[in-house]
Amino acid sequence: MAAPRVVELGDDRLLLDLDFRDTEGLVAAYLLPLEEGHALIETGPTTCRTALLDGIARAGVSTEEIGKVFVTHVHLDHAGGVGALADALPRATFYAHEFGTPHLIDPTKLIASARRAWGAAADSLWGTIVPVPTQRVVALRGGETFPLRSGSLSVLATPGHAKHHLAYFDSKLRGIFTGDGAGVRLERSDHLRPAVPPPDLDLEQLFASLEAMRATDPRVVLFSHFGPSPDGARDLAKYRTVVERWRDVALAAARERADPEYIAKALRDHDDPETSTVAERESLVSGYELAALGFLRYFSTHGLISPTSR
């Protein structure tokens, strides 16, 4: 495995490439300077633990200097590795939304969900999901602010992708860390891939959260999948339209046949003509099948498909 990339973002902020699935440019963590020590945003899954720790070392930072670890939400590609990092980051406190922190402390439901979704592939994708000691976890609700060495980090509640989703705004960088709240935008691509998984996708909340992120007037948008966008404000404005188009395609398919594979094929057929060169890489972190399941559950719970079509 190649040495993980460390990318300068300016103002002592760094991107760490976690080399997810032995592939560059899929999952990012971010290293920020605290008044004393450093903070991380995102950990990736346990399978990225070595790459994350190597990236911290390459950045010239001791693991004992990591004082705070923030995750945008507790889906495994963003926070599955939190528990496995607790011993390696002995002074770190771990922060997540209050609806997500119980799953960090007791990951039983996360593990069961991973097994249902990924079957035998779960272990190789995510690794062992380890509980975090209760005393090292702090719940956030949105509205909190933490001082950085220069500027501050503000917490925004951004439900929609998941009810436990947060975004973080760095006032010095004027950058917003969007997690999955603004979808997937890989390096060297201007294509946005919706991130709309089950179980608690809520499109109305997703669109409201986009407006909340836009209201910060960011200079740069920093995706967990993957990296800073050179035109982030445009991406935030565009993402609603992209999701609405996927919703309409998925709904038409679901009303014909409420079958996840059928809906996934409709989404793929809709999307592939403009994304043929990047679709395969995007699907490594946000697949059509998962989107189909998310939409199908949303349509069912919102009465948008009849019982006979389910």
Protein backbone atom coordinates (compact mmCIF):
# COMPACT_ATOMS: atom_id res chain seq x y z
CA MET A 1 0.00 0.00 0.00
CA ALA A 2 1.33 3.44 -0.96
CA ALA A 3 1.97 6.04 1.71
CA PRO A 4 -1.22 8.01 2.35
CA ARG A 5 -1.46 11.45 0.80
CA VAL A 6 -1.41 14.55 2.97
CA VAL A 7 -2.70 17.64 1.17
CA GLU A 8 -2.21 21.25 2.34
CA LEU A 9 -5.43 23.25 2.38
CA GLY A 10 -3.99 26.48 3.78
CA ASP A 11 -4.03 28.02 7.27
CA ASP A 12 -2.48 24.84 8.75
CA ARG A 13 -5.43 22.72 7.66
CA LEU A 14 -4.67 19.35 6.05
CA LEU A 15 -6.54 16.66 4.12
CA LEU A 16 -5.61 13.05 4.84
CA ASP A 17 -6.45 10.50 2.14
CA LEU A 18 -7.59 7.33 3.92
CA ASP A 19 -6.97 5.07 0.90
CA PHE A 20 -10.35 3.38 1.34
CA ARG A 21 -10.54 0.07 -0.53
CA ASP A 22 -6.87 0.59 -1.42
CA THR A 23 -8.00 3.42 -3.69
CA GLU A 24 -6.94 7.05 -3.57
CA GLY A 25 -9.49 9.82 -3.51
CA LEU A 26 -12.52 8.09 -1.97
CA VAL A 27 -12.58 8.92 1.76
CA ALA A 28 -11.00 11.97 3.37
CA ALA A 29 -10.28 12.98 6.93
CA TYR A 30 -9.29 16.51 7.86
CA LEU A 31 -6.70 17.68 10.39
CA LEU A 32 -7.28 21.10 11.98
CA PRO A 33 -5.15 23.06 14.47
CA LEU A 34 -6.63 23.57 17.92
CA GLU A 35 -5.31 26.25 20.27
CA GLU A 36 -3.42 23.33 21.80
CA GLY A 37 -3.00 20.21 19.72
CA HIS A 38 -5.13 19.16 16.76
CA ALA A 39 -8.62 18.03 15.83
CA LEU A 40 -9.79 15.50 13.28
CA ILE A 41 -12.95 15.58 11.20
CA GLU A 42 -13.95 12.03 10.19
CA THR A 43 -12.13 8.77 10.92
CA GLY A 44 -13.26 6.51 8.11
CA PRO A 45 -13.88 2.82 8.87
CA THR A 46 -11.63 0.58 10.93
CA THR A 47 -10.06 -0.71 7.69
CA CYS A 48 -8.60 2.81 7.23
CA ARG A 49 -7.08 2.98 10.72
CA THR A 50 -3.51 2.39 9.56
CA ALA A 51 -3.76 4.93 6.73
CA LEU A 52 -5.23 7.53 9.09
CA LEU A 53 -2.50 7.07 11.70
CA ASP A 54 0.17 7.10 8.99
CA GLY A 55 -1.30 10.31 7.62
CA ILE A 56 -1.24 11.96 11.05
CA ALA A 57 2.41 10.96 11.43
CA ARG A 58 3.29 12.24 7.93
CA ALA A 59 1.69 15.55 8.91
CA GLY A 60 4.21 15.79 11.74
CA VAL A 61 1.55 15.42 14.45
CA SER A 62 1.81 13.08 17.42
CA THR A 63 -1.23 10.93 18.19
CA GLU A 64 -1.15 12.40 21.71
CA GLU A 65 -1.73 15.83 20.18
CA ILE A 66 -5.15 14.81 18.83
CA GLY A 67 -7.53 16.29 21.39
CA LYS A 68 -10.87 16.25 19.54
CA VAL A 69 -12.35 13.98 16.89
CA PHE A 70 -15.52 15.14 15.15
CA VAL A 71 -17.60 12.94 12.84
CA THR A 72 -20.31 14.19 10.51
CA HIS A 73 -22.45 11.10 11.16
CA VAL A 74 -22.06 7.53 12.31
CA HIS A 75 -22.30 5.70 8.97
CA LEU A 76 -19.39 3.31 8.78
CA ASP A 77 -17.41 5.01 6.01
CA HIS A 78 -17.28 8.15 8.17
CA ALA A 79 -17.13 6.91 11.76
CA GLY A 80 -16.84 3.13 11.78
CA GLY A 81 -13.25 3.42 12.97
CA VAL A 82 -13.88 5.64 15.99
CA GLY A 83 -13.75 2.85 18.56
CA ALA A 84 -10.67 1.26 17.06
CA LEU A 85 -8.86 4.61 17.33
CA ALA A 86 -9.58 5.20 21.01
CA ASP A 87 -6.43 3.43 22.18
CA ALA A 88 -4.22 5.09 19.55
CA LEU A 89 -5.52 8.59 20.37
CA PRO A 90 -5.33 8.46 24.17
CA ARG A 91 -6.21 12.14 24.77
CA ALA A 92 -9.00 12.45 22.22
CA THR A 93 -12.64 13.16 22.96
CA PHE A 94 -15.06 11.96 20.27
CA TYR A 95 -17.95 14.16 19.13
CA ALA A 96 -21.06 13.17 17.16
CA HIS A 97 -24.73 14.09 16.95
CA GLU A 98 -26.76 13.12 20.00
CA PHE A 99 -28.77 10.66 17.88
CA GLY A 100 -25.53 9.00 16.79
CA THR A 101 -23.53 8.83 20.01
CA PRO A 102 -25.46 5.83 21.43
CA HIS A 103 -24.31 3.81 18.40
CA LEU A 104 -20.67 4.71 19.05
CA ILE A 105 -20.99 3.54 22.63
CA ASP A 106 -22.91 0.37 21.70
CA PRO A 107 -22.42 -0.42 17.98
CA THR A 108 -24.61 -3.54 18.02
CA LYS A 109 -27.17 -2.03 15.65
CA LEU A 110 -24.46 -0.65 13.35
CA ILE A 111 -22.92 -4.11 13.10
CA ALA A 112 -26.29 -5.74 12.39
CA SER A 113 -27.06 -3.11 9.74
CA ALA A 114 -23.69 -3.68 8.07
CA ARG A 115 -24.32 -7.43 7.97
CA ARG A 116 -27.75 -6.93 6.39
CA ALA A 117 -26.48 -4.50 3.78
CA TRP A 118 -23.12 -6.06 2.89
CA GLY A 119 -23.31 -9.68 4.00
CA ALA A 120 -19.98 -11.48 3.99
CA ALA A 121 -18.24 -8.42 2.50
CA ALA A 122 -18.88 -6.35 5.64
CA ASP A 123 -15.69 -7.38 7.42
CA SER A 124 -13.38 -6.64 4.51
CA LEU A 125 -15.06 -3.26 3.87
CA TRP A 126 -15.42 -1.95 7.41
CA GLY A 127 -13.29 -4.08 9.72
CA THR A 128 -14.15 -4.65 13.36
CA ILE A 129 -16.51 -2.06 14.84
CA VAL A 130 -15.39 -1.39 18.40
CA PRO A 131 -17.40 0.39 21.13
CA VAL A 132 -16.12 3.72 22.43
CA PRO A 133 -15.86 4.27 26.20
CA THR A 134 -18.87 6.33 27.30
CA GLN A 135 -16.75 8.90 29.13
CA ARG A 136 -14.89 9.78 25.94
CA VAL A 137 -17.99 10.58 23.87
CA VAL A 138 -19.71 13.98 23.74
CA ALA A 139 -23.09 14.52 22.09
CA LEU A 140 -23.71 17.52 19.84
CA ARG A 141 -27.01 19.03 18.70
CA GLY A 142 -25.85 21.79 16.35
CA GLY A 143 -25.10 25.37 17.35
CA GLU A 144 -21.91 24.59 19.30
CA THR A 145 -18.64 26.41 18.54
CA PHE A 146 -15.10 25.24 19.26
CA PRO A 147 -12.00 27.48 19.14
CA LEU A 148 -9.28 26.65 16.65
CA ARG A 149 -5.73 28.01 16.60
CA SER A 150 -7.04 30.59 14.17
CA GLY A 151 -10.77 31.00 13.79
CA SER A 152 -13.39 28.64 15.13
CA LEU A 153 -15.32 25.51 14.19
CA SER A 154 -19.13 25.82 14.24
CA VAL A 155 -21.47 22.84 14.30
CA LEU A 156 -24.55 22.74 12.05
CA ALA A 157 -27.34 20.20 12.40
CA THR A 158 -27.89 18.97 8.85
CA PRO A 159 -30.40 16.08 8.87
CA GLY A 160 -31.76 14.55 5.69
CA HIS A 161 -29.08 12.13 4.61
CA ALA A 162 -29.44 10.80 8.15
CA LYS A 163 -31.11 12.24 11.22
CA HIS A 164 -27.74 12.23 13.01
CA HIS A 165 -25.88 14.22 10.34
CA LEU A 166 -23.78 17.30 11.16
CA ALA A 167 -21.73 19.71 9.07
CA TYR A 168 -18.85 21.85 10.39
CA PHE A 169 -17.91 25.38 9.36
CA ASP A 170 -14.31 26.59 9.77
CA SER A 171 -14.40 30.39 10.03
CA LYS A 172 -10.73 30.90 9.15
CA LEU A 173 -10.78 28.70 6.09
CA ARG A 174 -14.36 29.78 5.38
CA GLY A 175 -14.85 26.15 4.56
CA ILE A 176 -17.75 23.83 5.28
CA PHE A 177 -17.19 20.12 5.85
CA THR A 178 -20.31 18.54 4.38
CA GLY A 179 -19.94 14.83 5.17
CA ASP A 180 -22.61 13.30 2.93
CA GLY A 181 -24.99 16.25 3.24
CA ALA A 182 -24.07 17.57 -0.22
CA GLY A 183 -23.47 14.21 -1.86
CA VAL A 184 -20.33 12.81 -3.48
CA ARG A 185 -17.99 14.87 -5.64
CA LEU A 186 -14.74 13.09 -6.42
CA GLU A 187 -11.47 14.72 -7.38
CA ARG A 188 -11.06 15.94 -10.95
CA SER A 189 -14.80 15.60 -11.55
CA ASP A 190 -17.58 18.15 -11.49
CA HIS A 191 -20.27 15.47 -11.21
CA LEU A 192 -22.40 15.25 -8.06
CA ARG A 193 -23.63 11.80 -7.01
CA PRO A 194 -26.59 11.78 -4.61
CA ALA A 195 -25.98 10.13 -1.25
CA VAL A 196 -29.51 9.02 -0.32
CA PRO A 197 -29.35 5.77 1.68
CA PRO A 198 -31.81 4.13 4.06
CA PRO A 199 -32.99 4.00 6.75
CA ASP A 200 -33.98 7.60 7.56
CA LEU A 201 -33.57 9.55 4.32
CA ASP A 202 -35.74 12.68 4.47
CA LEU A 203 -35.61 14.83 1.34
CA GLU A 204 -37.35 17.85 2.86
CA GLN A 205 -34.81 17.96 5.68
CA LEU A 206 -31.97 17.33 3.21
CA PHE A 207 -33.00 20.37 1.15
CA ALA A 208 -33.37 22.54 4.28
CA SER A 209 -29.91 21.43 5.42
CA LEU A 210 -28.45 22.44 2.06
CA GLU A 211 -29.85 25.93 2.60
CA ALA A 212 -28.34 26.03 6.09
CA MET A 213 -24.93 25.15 4.65
CA ARG A 214 -25.29 27.73 1.87
CA ALA A 215 -26.16 30.37 4.49
CA THR A 216 -22.62 30.12 5.88
CA ASP A 217 -21.43 31.64 2.57
CA PRO A 218 -18.49 29.24 2.29
CA ARG A 219 -15.44 30.01 0.21
CA VAL A 220 -14.71 26.30 -0.09
CA VAL A 221 -16.77 23.14 0.34
CA LEU A 222 -14.89 20.12 1.66
CA PHE A 223 -16.40 16.75 0.81
CA SER A 224 -15.70 13.58 2.74
CA HIS A 225 -15.93 11.97 -0.72
CA PHE A 226 -13.65 13.71 -1.73
CA GLY A 227 -11.73 16.85 -0.90
CA PRO A 228 -12.18 20.57 -1.54
CA SER A 229 -14.37 21.63 -4.42
CA PRO A 230 -13.05 24.50 -6.54
CA ASP A 231 -16.64 25.67 -6.97
CA GLY A 232 -18.30 24.56 -3.78
CA ALA A 233 -20.96 27.26 -3.60
CA ARG A 234 -22.20 26.19 -7.03
CA ASP A 235 -22.17 22.56 -5.91
CA LEU A 236 -24.41 23.35 -2.93
CA ALA A 237 -26.83 25.19 -5.19
CA LYS A 238 -26.78 22.41 -7.80
CA TYR A 239 -27.18 19.45 -5.48
CA ARG A 240 -30.89 19.95 -4.82
CA THR A 241 -31.64 19.76 -8.55
CA VAL A 242 -29.52 16.61 -8.93
CA VAL A 243 -31.35 14.90 -6.06
CA GLU A 244 -34.74 15.98 -7.39
CA ARG A 245 -33.96 14.43 -10.77
CA TRP A 246 -32.92 11.16 -9.13
CA ARG A 247 -36.07 11.25 -6.97
CA ASP A 248 -38.29 11.64 -10.04
CA VAL A 249 -36.55 8.80 -11.91
CA ALA A 250 -36.74 6.54 -8.86
CA LEU A 251 -40.40 7.37 -8.18
CA ALA A 252 -41.45 6.63 -11.76
CA ALA A 253 -39.63 3.29 -11.57
CA ALA A 254 -41.05 2.46 -8.13
CA ARG A 255 -44.61 3.07 -9.36
CA GLU A 256 -43.98 0.54 -12.13
CA ARG A 257 -42.24 -1.98 -9.91
CA ALA A 258 -41.21 -1.34 -6.31
CA ASP A 259 -38.13 -3.51 -6.62
CA PRO A 260 -34.71 -2.16 -5.53
CA GLU A 261 -32.88 -3.75 -8.45
CA TYR A 262 -35.36 -2.27 -10.94
CA ILE A 263 -35.08 1.19 -9.38
CA ALA A 264 -31.27 0.95 -9.27
CA LYS A 265 -31.20 0.11 -12.98
CA ALA A 266 -33.38 3.12 -13.74
CA LEU A 267 -31.01 5.38 -11.80
CA ARG A 268 -27.98 3.87 -13.52
CA ASP A 269 -29.54 4.32 -16.96
CA HIS A 270 -30.38 7.92 -16.11
CA ASP A 271 -26.93 8.72 -14.77
CA ASP A 272 -24.42 6.76 -16.81
CA PRO A 273 -24.46 8.81 -20.02
CA GLU A 274 -22.95 11.80 -18.21
CA THR A 275 -20.83 9.91 -15.68
CA SER A 276 -19.47 6.90 -17.53
CA THR A 277 -15.87 7.76 -16.64
CA VAL A 278 -16.49 8.30 -12.92
CA ALA A 279 -19.57 6.19 -12.14
CA GLU A 280 -17.59 3.13 -11.10
CA ARG A 281 -15.45 5.09 -8.65
CA GLU A 282 -18.47 6.92 -7.23
CA SER A 283 -20.23 3.61 -6.70
CA LEU A 284 -17.41 2.50 -4.39
CA VAL A 285 -18.77 4.97 -1.82
CA SER A 286 -22.38 5.60 -2.91
CA GLY A 287 -23.96 2.88 -5.02
CA TYR A 288 -27.15 2.89 -7.05
CA GLU A 289 -28.52 -0.06 -5.08
CA LEU A 290 -28.22 1.77 -1.77
CA ALA A 291 -29.90 4.84 -3.28
CA ALA A 292 -32.74 2.67 -4.57
CA LEU A 293 -33.32 1.28 -1.08
CA GLY A 294 -33.25 4.77 0.41
CA PHE A 295 -35.77 6.15 -2.07
CA LEU A 296 -38.02 3.11 -1.77
CA ARG A 297 -38.24 3.48 2.00
CA TYR A 298 -38.82 7.24 1.66
CA PHE A 299 -41.61 6.75 -0.91
CA SER A 300 -43.25 4.11 1.27
CA THR A 301 -43.17 6.13 4.48
CA HIS A 302 -44.43 9.27 2.68
CA GLY A 303 -47.31 7.55 0.88
CA LEU A 304 -45.88 8.20 -2.58
CA ILE A 305 -46.37 4.63 -3.81
CA SER A 306 -49.46 2.52 -3.36
CA PRO A 307 -49.46 -0.58 -1.18
CA THR A 308 -50.00 -2.74 -4.27
CA SER A 309 -46.79 -1.47 -5.87
CA ARG A 310 -44.61 -2.31 -2.87
